Full PDB file with SEQRES, HELIX, SHEET, SSBOND, CRYST1, ORIGX, SCALE, CONECT and MASTER records, all heavy atoms in Angstrom:
SEQRES   1 A   36  TYR GLN ASP VAL PRO GLY GLN MET THR LEU TYR SER THR          
SEQRES   2 A   36  PHE VAL GLY LYS GLU LEU VAL GLU GLU THR ARG ASN THR          
SEQRES   3 A   36  PHE PRO LEU SER ARG LYS ARG GLU ASP THR                      
HELIX    1 AA1 PRO A    5  GLN A    7  5                                   3    
HELIX    2 AA2 TYR A   11  THR A   13  1                                   3    
HELIX    3 AA3 PHE A   14  GLU A   18  3                                   5    
HELIX    4 AA4 LEU A   19  THR A   26  1                                   8    
HELIX    5 AA5 ARG A   33  ASP A   35  5                                   3    
SHEET    1 AA1 2 ASP A   3  VAL A   4  0                                        
SHEET    2 AA1 2 THR A   9  LEU A  10 -1                                        
CRYST1    1.000    1.000    1.000  90.00  90.00  90.00 P 1           1          
ORIGX1      1.000000  0.000000  0.000000        0.00000                         
ORIGX2      0.000000  1.000000  0.000000        0.00000                         
ORIGX3      0.000000  0.000000  1.000000        0.00000                         
SCALE1      1.000000  0.000000  0.000000        0.00000                         
SCALE2      0.000000  1.000000  0.000000        0.00000                         
SCALE3      0.000000  0.000000  1.000000        0.00000                         
ATOM      1  N   TYR A   1      -6.530  -7.790  -2.959  1.00  0.00           N  
ATOM      2  CA  TYR A   1      -5.696  -6.910  -2.131  1.00  0.00           C  
ATOM      3  C   TYR A   1      -6.353  -5.555  -1.911  1.00  0.00           C  
ATOM      4  O   TYR A   1      -5.696  -4.520  -1.879  1.00  0.00           O  
ATOM      5  CB  TYR A   1      -4.296  -6.782  -2.733  1.00  0.00           C  
ATOM      6  CG  TYR A   1      -3.539  -8.084  -2.680  1.00  0.00           C  
ATOM      7  CD1 TYR A   1      -3.545  -8.980  -3.756  1.00  0.00           C  
ATOM      8  CD2 TYR A   1      -2.851  -8.466  -1.535  1.00  0.00           C  
ATOM      9  CE1 TYR A   1      -2.880 -10.202  -3.689  1.00  0.00           C  
ATOM     10  CE2 TYR A   1      -2.183  -9.680  -1.458  1.00  0.00           C  
ATOM     11  CZ  TYR A   1      -2.197 -10.540  -2.539  1.00  0.00           C  
ATOM     12  OH  TYR A   1      -1.537 -11.752  -2.463  1.00  0.00           O  
ATOM     13  N   GLN A   2      -7.681  -5.581  -1.750  1.00  0.00           N  
ATOM     14  CA  GLN A   2      -8.473  -4.383  -1.507  1.00  0.00           C  
ATOM     15  C   GLN A   2      -8.924  -4.322  -0.053  1.00  0.00           C  
ATOM     16  O   GLN A   2      -8.974  -5.340   0.644  1.00  0.00           O  
ATOM     17  CB  GLN A   2      -9.733  -4.393  -2.388  1.00  0.00           C  
ATOM     18  CG  GLN A   2      -9.468  -4.426  -3.875  1.00  0.00           C  
ATOM     19  CD  GLN A   2      -8.975  -3.090  -4.385  1.00  0.00           C  
ATOM     20  OE1 GLN A   2      -9.623  -2.057  -4.210  1.00  0.00           O  
ATOM     21  NE2 GLN A   2      -7.821  -3.104  -5.015  1.00  0.00           N  
ATOM     22  N   ASP A   3      -9.291  -3.135   0.395  1.00  0.00           N  
ATOM     23  CA  ASP A   3     -10.021  -2.995   1.651  1.00  0.00           C  
ATOM     24  C   ASP A   3     -11.488  -3.291   1.370  1.00  0.00           C  
ATOM     25  O   ASP A   3     -12.104  -2.660   0.499  1.00  0.00           O  
ATOM     26  CB  ASP A   3      -9.883  -1.574   2.207  1.00  0.00           C  
ATOM     27  CG  ASP A   3      -8.542  -1.336   2.881  1.00  0.00           C  
ATOM     28  OD1 ASP A   3      -7.799  -2.313   3.117  1.00  0.00           O  
ATOM     29  OD2 ASP A   3      -8.225  -0.162   3.156  1.00  0.00           O  
ATOM     30  N   VAL A   4     -12.053  -4.260   2.085  1.00  0.00           N  
ATOM     31  CA  VAL A   4     -13.467  -4.624   1.929  1.00  0.00           C  
ATOM     32  C   VAL A   4     -14.114  -4.545   3.307  1.00  0.00           C  
ATOM     33  O   VAL A   4     -14.263  -5.558   4.007  1.00  0.00           O  
ATOM     34  CB  VAL A   4     -13.626  -6.036   1.324  1.00  0.00           C  
ATOM     35  CG1 VAL A   4     -15.089  -6.302   0.972  1.00  0.00           C  
ATOM     36  CG2 VAL A   4     -12.744  -6.210   0.092  1.00  0.00           C  
ATOM     37  N   PRO A   5     -14.482  -3.340   3.755  1.00  0.00           N  
ATOM     38  CA  PRO A   5     -15.006  -3.170   5.113  1.00  0.00           C  
ATOM     39  C   PRO A   5     -16.224  -4.034   5.390  1.00  0.00           C  
ATOM     40  O   PRO A   5     -16.406  -4.521   6.514  1.00  0.00           O  
ATOM     41  CB  PRO A   5     -15.361  -1.672   5.159  1.00  0.00           C  
ATOM     42  CG  PRO A   5     -14.479  -1.048   4.118  1.00  0.00           C  
ATOM     43  CD  PRO A   5     -14.363  -2.059   3.024  1.00  0.00           C  
ATOM     44  N   GLY A   6     -17.067  -4.265   4.387  1.00  0.00           N  
ATOM     45  CA  GLY A   6     -18.269  -5.058   4.593  1.00  0.00           C  
ATOM     46  C   GLY A   6     -17.989  -6.490   4.965  1.00  0.00           C  
ATOM     47  O   GLY A   6     -18.847  -7.181   5.540  1.00  0.00           O  
ATOM     48  N   GLN A   7     -16.804  -6.985   4.652  1.00  0.00           N  
ATOM     49  CA  GLN A   7     -16.393  -8.330   5.032  1.00  0.00           C  
ATOM     50  C   GLN A   7     -15.331  -8.303   6.126  1.00  0.00           C  
ATOM     51  O   GLN A   7     -14.641  -9.294   6.354  1.00  0.00           O  
ATOM     52  CB  GLN A   7     -15.882  -9.087   3.806  1.00  0.00           C  
ATOM     53  CG  GLN A   7     -16.938  -9.265   2.727  1.00  0.00           C  
ATOM     54  CD  GLN A   7     -16.506 -10.220   1.641  1.00  0.00           C  
ATOM     55  OE1 GLN A   7     -15.837 -11.226   1.896  1.00  0.00           O  
ATOM     56  NE2 GLN A   7     -16.886  -9.934   0.410  1.00  0.00           N  
ATOM     57  N   MET A   8     -15.201  -7.160   6.781  1.00  0.00           N  
ATOM     58  CA  MET A   8     -14.247  -6.970   7.876  1.00  0.00           C  
ATOM     59  C   MET A   8     -12.828  -7.361   7.449  1.00  0.00           C  
ATOM     60  O   MET A   8     -12.075  -7.977   8.200  1.00  0.00           O  
ATOM     61  CB  MET A   8     -14.678  -7.756   9.117  1.00  0.00           C  
ATOM     62  CG  MET A   8     -15.979  -7.253   9.713  1.00  0.00           C  
ATOM     63  SD  MET A   8     -16.427  -8.069  11.268  1.00  0.00           S  
ATOM     64  CE  MET A   8     -16.783  -9.727  10.685  1.00  0.00           C  
ATOM     65  N   THR A   9     -12.499  -7.009   6.215  1.00  0.00           N  
ATOM     66  CA  THR A   9     -11.195  -7.345   5.654  1.00  0.00           C  
ATOM     67  C   THR A   9     -10.581  -6.103   5.027  1.00  0.00           C  
ATOM     68  O   THR A   9     -11.094  -5.588   4.024  1.00  0.00           O  
ATOM     69  CB  THR A   9     -11.328  -8.453   4.583  1.00  0.00           C  
ATOM     70  OG1 THR A   9     -11.868  -9.622   5.194  1.00  0.00           O  
ATOM     71  CG2 THR A   9      -9.981  -8.771   3.970  1.00  0.00           C  
ATOM     72  N   LEU A  10      -9.500  -5.615   5.605  1.00  0.00           N  
ATOM     73  CA  LEU A  10      -8.798  -4.446   5.079  1.00  0.00           C  
ATOM     74  C   LEU A  10      -7.441  -4.920   4.555  1.00  0.00           C  
ATOM     75  O   LEU A  10      -6.402  -4.674   5.162  1.00  0.00           O  
ATOM     76  CB  LEU A  10      -8.642  -3.379   6.164  1.00  0.00           C  
ATOM     77  CG  LEU A  10      -9.942  -2.907   6.823  1.00  0.00           C  
ATOM     78  CD1 LEU A  10      -9.645  -1.839   7.871  1.00  0.00           C  
ATOM     79  CD2 LEU A  10     -10.942  -2.376   5.794  1.00  0.00           C  
ATOM     80  N   TYR A  11      -7.487  -5.627   3.421  1.00  0.00           N  
ATOM     81  CA  TYR A  11      -6.268  -6.259   2.945  1.00  0.00           C  
ATOM     82  C   TYR A  11      -5.285  -5.262   2.359  1.00  0.00           C  
ATOM     83  O   TYR A  11      -4.076  -5.456   2.414  1.00  0.00           O  
ATOM     84  CB  TYR A  11      -6.586  -7.359   1.926  1.00  0.00           C  
ATOM     85  CG  TYR A  11      -5.675  -8.548   2.090  1.00  0.00           C  
ATOM     86  CD1 TYR A  11      -5.915  -9.497   3.079  1.00  0.00           C  
ATOM     87  CD2 TYR A  11      -4.541  -8.697   1.321  1.00  0.00           C  
ATOM     88  CE1 TYR A  11      -5.069 -10.565   3.275  1.00  0.00           C  
ATOM     89  CE2 TYR A  11      -3.681  -9.764   1.513  1.00  0.00           C  
ATOM     90  CZ  TYR A  11      -3.950 -10.696   2.476  1.00  0.00           C  
ATOM     91  OH  TYR A  11      -3.102 -11.734   2.680  1.00  0.00           O  
ATOM     92  N   SER A  12      -5.771  -4.174   1.794  1.00  0.00           N  
ATOM     93  CA  SER A  12      -4.883  -3.119   1.309  1.00  0.00           C  
ATOM     94  C   SER A  12      -4.151  -2.474   2.480  1.00  0.00           C  
ATOM     95  O   SER A  12      -2.928  -2.278   2.430  1.00  0.00           O  
ATOM     96  CB  SER A  12      -5.674  -2.066   0.528  1.00  0.00           C  
ATOM     97  OG  SER A  12      -4.854  -0.957   0.203  1.00  0.00           O  
ATOM     98  N   THR A  13      -4.874  -2.158   3.519  1.00  0.00           N  
ATOM     99  CA  THR A  13      -4.256  -1.594   4.724  1.00  0.00           C  
ATOM    100  C   THR A  13      -3.248  -2.567   5.311  1.00  0.00           C  
ATOM    101  O   THR A  13      -2.175  -2.164   5.783  1.00  0.00           O  
ATOM    102  CB  THR A  13      -5.333  -1.262   5.762  1.00  0.00           C  
ATOM    103  OG1 THR A  13      -6.255  -0.313   5.203  1.00  0.00           O  
ATOM    104  CG2 THR A  13      -4.727  -0.686   7.031  1.00  0.00           C  
ATOM    105  N   PHE A  14      -3.569  -3.854   5.265  1.00  0.00           N  
ATOM    106  CA  PHE A  14      -2.679  -4.873   5.810  1.00  0.00           C  
ATOM    107  C   PHE A  14      -1.340  -4.892   5.079  1.00  0.00           C  
ATOM    108  O   PHE A  14      -0.277  -4.794   5.710  1.00  0.00           O  
ATOM    109  CB  PHE A  14      -3.356  -6.240   5.725  1.00  0.00           C  
ATOM    110  CG  PHE A  14      -2.448  -7.397   6.029  1.00  0.00           C  
ATOM    111  CD1 PHE A  14      -1.859  -7.528   7.281  1.00  0.00           C  
ATOM    112  CD2 PHE A  14      -2.167  -8.348   5.062  1.00  0.00           C  
ATOM    113  CE1 PHE A  14      -1.010  -8.592   7.570  1.00  0.00           C  
ATOM    114  CE2 PHE A  14      -1.324  -9.415   5.333  1.00  0.00           C  
ATOM    115  CZ  PHE A  14      -0.744  -9.534   6.586  1.00  0.00           C  
ATOM    116  N   VAL A  15      -1.351  -4.998   3.740  1.00  0.00           N  
ATOM    117  CA  VAL A  15      -0.078  -5.143   3.020  1.00  0.00           C  
ATOM    118  C   VAL A  15       0.646  -3.815   2.837  1.00  0.00           C  
ATOM    119  O   VAL A  15       1.884  -3.789   2.758  1.00  0.00           O  
ATOM    120  CB  VAL A  15      -0.273  -5.825   1.647  1.00  0.00           C  
ATOM    121  CG1 VAL A  15      -0.857  -7.205   1.813  1.00  0.00           C  
ATOM    122  CG2 VAL A  15      -1.122  -4.977   0.704  1.00  0.00           C  
ATOM    123  N   GLY A  16      -0.095  -2.720   2.771  1.00  0.00           N  
ATOM    124  CA  GLY A  16       0.542  -1.443   2.484  1.00  0.00           C  
ATOM    125  C   GLY A  16       0.997  -0.666   3.699  1.00  0.00           C  
ATOM    126  O   GLY A  16       1.852   0.224   3.588  1.00  0.00           O  
ATOM    127  N   LYS A  17       0.458  -1.014   4.862  1.00  0.00           N  
ATOM    128  CA  LYS A  17       0.784  -0.244   6.062  1.00  0.00           C  
ATOM    129  C   LYS A  17       1.125  -1.141   7.250  1.00  0.00           C  
ATOM    130  O   LYS A  17       2.246  -1.116   7.759  1.00  0.00           O  
ATOM    131  CB  LYS A  17      -0.389   0.676   6.421  1.00  0.00           C  
ATOM    132  CG  LYS A  17      -0.113   1.594   7.584  1.00  0.00           C  
ATOM    133  CD  LYS A  17      -1.298   2.536   7.848  1.00  0.00           C  
ATOM    134  CE  LYS A  17      -1.009   3.450   9.025  1.00  0.00           C  
ATOM    135  NZ  LYS A  17      -2.168   4.359   9.311  1.00  0.00           N  
ATOM    136  N   GLU A  18       0.155  -1.952   7.678  1.00  0.00           N  
ATOM    137  CA  GLU A  18       0.346  -2.725   8.907  1.00  0.00           C  
ATOM    138  C   GLU A  18       1.504  -3.712   8.809  1.00  0.00           C  
ATOM    139  O   GLU A  18       2.337  -3.802   9.719  1.00  0.00           O  
ATOM    140  CB  GLU A  18      -0.934  -3.474   9.257  1.00  0.00           C  
ATOM    141  CG  GLU A  18      -0.830  -4.296  10.534  1.00  0.00           C  
ATOM    142  CD  GLU A  18      -2.064  -5.143  10.774  1.00  0.00           C  
ATOM    143  OE1 GLU A  18      -3.114  -4.561  11.122  1.00  0.00           O  
ATOM    144  OE2 GLU A  18      -1.977  -6.380  10.612  1.00  0.00           O  
ATOM    145  N   LEU A  19       1.569  -4.465   7.716  1.00  0.00           N  
ATOM    146  CA  LEU A  19       2.624  -5.459   7.563  1.00  0.00           C  
ATOM    147  C   LEU A  19       4.001  -4.812   7.551  1.00  0.00           C  
ATOM    148  O   LEU A  19       4.960  -5.357   8.117  1.00  0.00           O  
ATOM    149  CB  LEU A  19       2.400  -6.263   6.280  1.00  0.00           C  
ATOM    150  CG  LEU A  19       3.361  -7.432   6.033  1.00  0.00           C  
ATOM    151  CD1 LEU A  19       3.243  -8.473   7.131  1.00  0.00           C  
ATOM    152  CD2 LEU A  19       3.091  -8.052   4.660  1.00  0.00           C  
ATOM    153  N   VAL A  20       4.116  -3.672   6.921  1.00  0.00           N  
ATOM    154  CA  VAL A  20       5.392  -2.953   6.899  1.00  0.00           C  
ATOM    155  C   VAL A  20       5.789  -2.551   8.314  1.00  0.00           C  
ATOM    156  O   VAL A  20       6.934  -2.749   8.736  1.00  0.00           O  
ATOM    157  CB  VAL A  20       5.301  -1.717   5.980  1.00  0.00           C  
ATOM    158  CG1 VAL A  20       6.589  -0.913   6.038  1.00  0.00           C  
ATOM    159  CG2 VAL A  20       4.999  -2.139   4.539  1.00  0.00           C  
ATOM    160  N   GLU A  21       4.853  -2.007   9.051  1.00  0.00           N  
ATOM    161  CA  GLU A  21       5.143  -1.566  10.410  1.00  0.00           C  
ATOM    162  C   GLU A  21       5.526  -2.740  11.307  1.00  0.00           C  
ATOM    163  O   GLU A  21       6.514  -2.674  12.063  1.00  0.00           O  
ATOM    164  CB  GLU A  21       3.924  -0.846  10.993  1.00  0.00           C  
ATOM    165  CG  GLU A  21       3.591   0.470  10.292  1.00  0.00           C  
ATOM    166  CD  GLU A  21       2.273   1.064  10.756  1.00  0.00           C  
ATOM    167  OE1 GLU A  21       1.540   0.375  11.510  1.00  0.00           O  
ATOM    168  OE2 GLU A  21       1.968   2.203  10.358  1.00  0.00           O  
ATOM    169  N   GLU A  22       4.769  -3.834  11.223  1.00  0.00           N  
ATOM    170  CA  GLU A  22       5.022  -4.984  12.093  1.00  0.00           C  
ATOM    171  C   GLU A  22       6.381  -5.620  11.801  1.00  0.00           C  
ATOM    172  O   GLU A  22       7.126  -5.970  12.722  1.00  0.00           O  
ATOM    173  CB  GLU A  22       3.909  -6.025  11.923  1.00  0.00           C  
ATOM    174  CG  GLU A  22       2.567  -5.614  12.489  1.00  0.00           C  
ATOM    175  CD  GLU A  22       2.549  -5.595  14.009  1.00  0.00           C  
ATOM    176  OE1 GLU A  22       3.398  -6.270  14.628  1.00  0.00           O  
ATOM    177  OE2 GLU A  22       1.673  -4.914  14.578  1.00  0.00           O  
ATOM    178  N   THR A  23       6.713  -5.784  10.533  1.00  0.00           N  
ATOM    179  CA  THR A  23       7.988  -6.437  10.201  1.00  0.00           C  
ATOM    180  C   THR A  23       9.175  -5.529  10.483  1.00  0.00           C  
ATOM    181  O   THR A  23      10.238  -5.999  10.892  1.00  0.00           O  
ATOM    182  CB  THR A  23       7.998  -6.887   8.735  1.00  0.00           C  
ATOM    183  OG1 THR A  23       7.617  -5.797   7.876  1.00  0.00           O  
ATOM    184  CG2 THR A  23       7.033  -8.046   8.518  1.00  0.00           C  
ATOM    185  N   ARG A  24       9.008  -4.242  10.308  1.00  0.00           N  
ATOM    186  CA  ARG A  24      10.092  -3.317  10.648  1.00  0.00           C  
ATOM    187  C   ARG A  24      10.348  -3.306  12.145  1.00  0.00           C  
ATOM    188  O   ARG A  24      11.491  -3.126  12.579  1.00  0.00           O  
ATOM    189  CB  ARG A  24       9.754  -1.907  10.160  1.00  0.00           C  
ATOM    190  CG  ARG A  24       9.949  -1.693   8.669  1.00  0.00           C  
ATOM    191  CD  ARG A  24       9.520  -0.301   8.266  1.00  0.00           C  
ATOM    192  NE  ARG A  24       9.854  -0.002   6.875  1.00  0.00           N  
ATOM    193  CZ  ARG A  24       9.520   1.129   6.245  1.00  0.00           C  
ATOM    194  NH1 ARG A  24       8.825   2.059   6.911  1.00  0.00           N  
ATOM    195  NH2 ARG A  24       9.866   1.327   5.000  1.00  0.00           N  
ATOM    196  N   ASN A  25       9.298  -3.493  12.922  1.00  0.00           N  
ATOM    197  CA  ASN A  25       9.462  -3.508  14.378  1.00  0.00           C  
ATOM    198  C   ASN A  25      10.053  -4.827  14.881  1.00  0.00           C  
ATOM    199  O   ASN A  25      10.543  -4.893  16.016  1.00  0.00           O  
ATOM    200  CB  ASN A  25       8.116  -3.266  15.068  1.00  0.00           C  
ATOM    201  CG  ASN A  25       7.639  -1.829  14.933  1.00  0.00           C  
ATOM    202  OD1 ASN A  25       8.441  -0.923  14.716  1.00  0.00           O  
ATOM    203  ND2 ASN A  25       6.343  -1.616  15.041  1.00  0.00           N  
ATOM    204  N   THR A  26       9.995  -5.873  14.053  1.00  0.00           N  
ATOM    205  CA  THR A  26      10.436  -7.198  14.473  1.00  0.00           C  
ATOM    206  C   THR A  26      11.798  -7.577  13.914  1.00  0.00           C  
ATOM    207  O   THR A  26      12.580  -8.268  14.588  1.00  0.00           O  
ATOM    208  CB  THR A  26       9.393  -8.249  14.048  1.00  0.00           C  
ATOM    209  OG1 THR A  26       8.104  -7.868  14.537  1.00  0.00           O  
ATOM    210  CG2 THR A  26       9.748  -9.633  14.593  1.00  0.00           C  
ATOM    211  N   PHE A  27      12.096  -7.147  12.692  1.00  0.00           N  
ATOM    212  CA  PHE A  27      13.321  -7.547  11.996  1.00  0.00           C  
ATOM    213  C   PHE A  27      14.168  -6.315  11.641  1.00  0.00           C  
ATOM    214  O   PHE A  27      13.651  -5.191  11.596  1.00  0.00           O  
ATOM    215  CB  PHE A  27      12.973  -8.324  10.726  1.00  0.00           C  
ATOM    216  CG  PHE A  27      12.190  -9.574  10.973  1.00  0.00           C  
ATOM    217  CD1 PHE A  27      10.808  -9.586  10.829  1.00  0.00           C  
ATOM    218  CD2 PHE A  27      12.823 -10.744  11.370  1.00  0.00           C  
ATOM    219  CE1 PHE A  27      10.072 -10.738  11.068  1.00  0.00           C  
ATOM    220  CE2 PHE A  27      12.105 -11.897  11.607  1.00  0.00           C  
ATOM    221  CZ  PHE A  27      10.722 -11.902  11.457  1.00  0.00           C  
ATOM    222  N   PRO A  28      15.456  -6.523  11.360  1.00  0.00           N  
ATOM    223  CA  PRO A  28      16.337  -5.385  11.030  1.00  0.00           C  
ATOM    224  C   PRO A  28      16.163  -4.919   9.581  1.00  0.00           C  
ATOM    225  O   PRO A  28      17.032  -5.113   8.734  1.00  0.00           O  
ATOM    226  CB  PRO A  28      17.737  -5.966  11.275  1.00  0.00           C  
ATOM    227  CG  PRO A  28      17.598  -7.414  10.944  1.00  0.00           C  
ATOM    228  CD  PRO A  28      16.216  -7.799  11.418  1.00  0.00           C  
ATOM    229  N   LEU A  29      15.016  -4.310   9.302  1.00  0.00           N  
ATOM    230  CA  LEU A  29      14.685  -3.852   7.961  1.00  0.00           C  
ATOM    231  C   LEU A  29      14.840  -2.340   7.869  1.00  0.00           C  
ATOM    232  O   LEU A  29      14.550  -1.605   8.823  1.00  0.00           O  
ATOM    233  CB  LEU A  29      13.244  -4.227   7.610  1.00  0.00           C  
ATOM    234  CG  LEU A  29      12.857  -5.690   7.808  1.00  0.00           C  
ATOM    235  CD1 LEU A  29      11.404  -5.904   7.384  1.00  0.00           C  
ATOM    236  CD2 LEU A  29      13.783  -6.619   7.040  1.00  0.00           C  
ATOM    237  N   SER A  30      15.274  -1.887   6.717  1.00  0.00           N  
ATOM    238  CA  SER A  30      15.416  -0.450   6.502  1.00  0.00           C  
ATOM    239  C   SER A  30      14.051   0.237   6.563  1.00  0.00           C  
ATOM    240  O   SER A  30      13.050  -0.309   6.097  1.00  0.00           O  
ATOM    241  CB  SER A  30      16.058  -0.191   5.146  1.00  0.00           C  
ATOM    242  OG  SER A  30      16.074   1.202   4.859  1.00  0.00           O  
ATOM    243  N   ARG A  31      14.020   1.417   7.127  1.00  0.00           N  
ATOM    244  CA  ARG A  31      12.800   2.217   7.177  1.00  0.00           C  
ATOM    245  C   ARG A  31      12.779   3.291   6.091  1.00  0.00           C  
ATOM    246  O   ARG A  31      11.871   4.123   6.061  1.00  0.00           O  
ATOM    247  CB  ARG A  31      12.652   2.857   8.557  1.00  0.00           C  
ATOM    248  CG  ARG A  31      12.450   1.822   9.668  1.00  0.00           C  
ATOM    249  CD  ARG A  31      12.393   2.437  11.050  1.00  0.00           C  
ATOM    250  NE  ARG A  31      12.141   1.425  12.068  1.00  0.00           N  
ATOM    251  CZ  ARG A  31      10.936   1.062  12.502  1.00  0.00           C  
ATOM    252  NH1 ARG A  31       9.864   1.673  12.020  1.00  0.00           N  
ATOM    253  NH2 ARG A  31      10.799   0.112  13.420  1.00  0.00           N  
ATOM    254  N   LYS A  32      13.749   3.252   5.211  1.00  0.00           N  
ATOM    255  CA  LYS A  32      13.826   4.254   4.152  1.00  0.00           C  
ATOM    256  C   LYS A  32      12.971   3.865   2.957  1.00  0.00           C  
ATOM    257  O   LYS A  32      12.939   2.696   2.560  1.00  0.00           O  
ATOM    258  CB  LYS A  32      15.276   4.418   3.693  1.00  0.00           C  
ATOM    259  CG  LYS A  32      16.225   4.919   4.759  1.00  0.00           C  
ATOM    260  CD  LYS A  32      17.642   5.014   4.218  1.00  0.00           C  
ATOM    261  CE  LYS A  32      18.615   5.501   5.276  1.00  0.00           C  
ATOM    262  NZ  LYS A  32      20.013   5.560   4.742  1.00  0.00           N  
ATOM    263  N   ARG A  33      12.315   4.855   2.367  1.00  0.00           N  
ATOM    264  CA  ARG A  33      11.501   4.592   1.185  1.00  0.00           C  
ATOM    265  C   ARG A  33      12.335   4.015   0.058  1.00  0.00           C  
ATOM    266  O   ARG A  33      11.904   3.080  -0.635  1.00  0.00           O  
ATOM    267  CB  ARG A  33      10.820   5.891   0.715  1.00  0.00           C  
ATOM    268  CG  ARG A  33       9.988   5.710  -0.571  1.00  0.00           C  
ATOM    269  CD  ARG A  33       9.377   7.031  -1.022  1.00  0.00           C  
ATOM    270  NE  ARG A  33       8.547   6.844  -2.208  1.00  0.00           N  
ATOM    271  CZ  ARG A  33       8.989   6.981  -3.463  1.00  0.00           C  
ATOM    272  NH1 ARG A  33      10.270   7.292  -3.675  1.00  0.00           N  
ATOM    273  NH2 ARG A  33       8.175   6.788  -4.484  1.00  0.00           N  
ATOM    274  N   GLU A  34      13.536   4.524  -0.152  1.00  0.00           N  
ATOM    275  CA  GLU A  34      14.364   4.059  -1.263  1.00  0.00           C  
ATOM    276  C   GLU A  34      14.811   2.610  -1.103  1.00  0.00           C  
ATOM    277  O   GLU A  34      15.291   1.999  -2.062  1.00  0.00           O  
ATOM    278  CB  GLU A  34      15.584   4.952  -1.439  1.00  0.00           C  
ATOM    279  CG  GLU A  34      16.507   5.026  -0.242  1.00  0.00           C  
ATOM    280  CD  GLU A  34      16.253   6.236   0.637  1.00  0.00           C  
ATOM    281  OE1 GLU A  34      15.073   6.666   0.746  1.00  0.00           O  
ATOM    282  OE2 GLU A  34      17.224   6.752   1.224  1.00  0.00           O  
ATOM    283  N   ASP A  35      14.622   2.028   0.092  1.00  0.00           N  
ATOM    284  CA  ASP A  35      15.005   0.645   0.350  1.00  0.00           C  
ATOM    285  C   ASP A  35      13.796  -0.282   0.470  1.00  0.00           C  
ATOM    286  O   ASP A  35      13.956  -1.451   0.816  1.00  0.00           O  
ATOM    287  CB  ASP A  35      15.810   0.543   1.646  1.00  0.00           C  
ATOM    288  CG  ASP A  35      17.164   1.228   1.557  1.00  0.00           C  
ATOM    289  OD1 ASP A  35      17.686   1.378   0.446  1.00  0.00           O  
ATOM    290  OD2 ASP A  35      17.698   1.614   2.618  1.00  0.00           O  
ATOM    291  N   THR A  36      12.608   0.216   0.209  1.00  0.00           N  
ATOM    292  CA  THR A  36      11.387  -0.552   0.460  1.00  0.00           C  
ATOM    293  C   THR A  36      10.595  -0.709  -0.835  1.00  0.00           C  
ATOM    294  O   THR A  36      10.250   0.282  -1.488  1.00  0.00           O  
ATOM    295  CB  THR A  36      10.526   0.145   1.525  1.00  0.00           C  
ATOM    296  OG1 THR A  36      11.325   0.414   2.685  1.00  0.00           O  
ATOM    297  CG2 THR A  36       9.348  -0.734   1.921  1.00  0.00           C  
TER     298      THR A  36                                                      
MASTER        0    0    0    5    2    0    0    6  297    1    0    3          
END                                                                             
């Protein structure tokens, strides 16, 4: 679950940022820190 730029894989960025943004934009999920 690390960012490994040399292998074109930013898995930390994926789970910690991108996935949160994408699922919040698609499903009725809370955007509050205390709910995440």
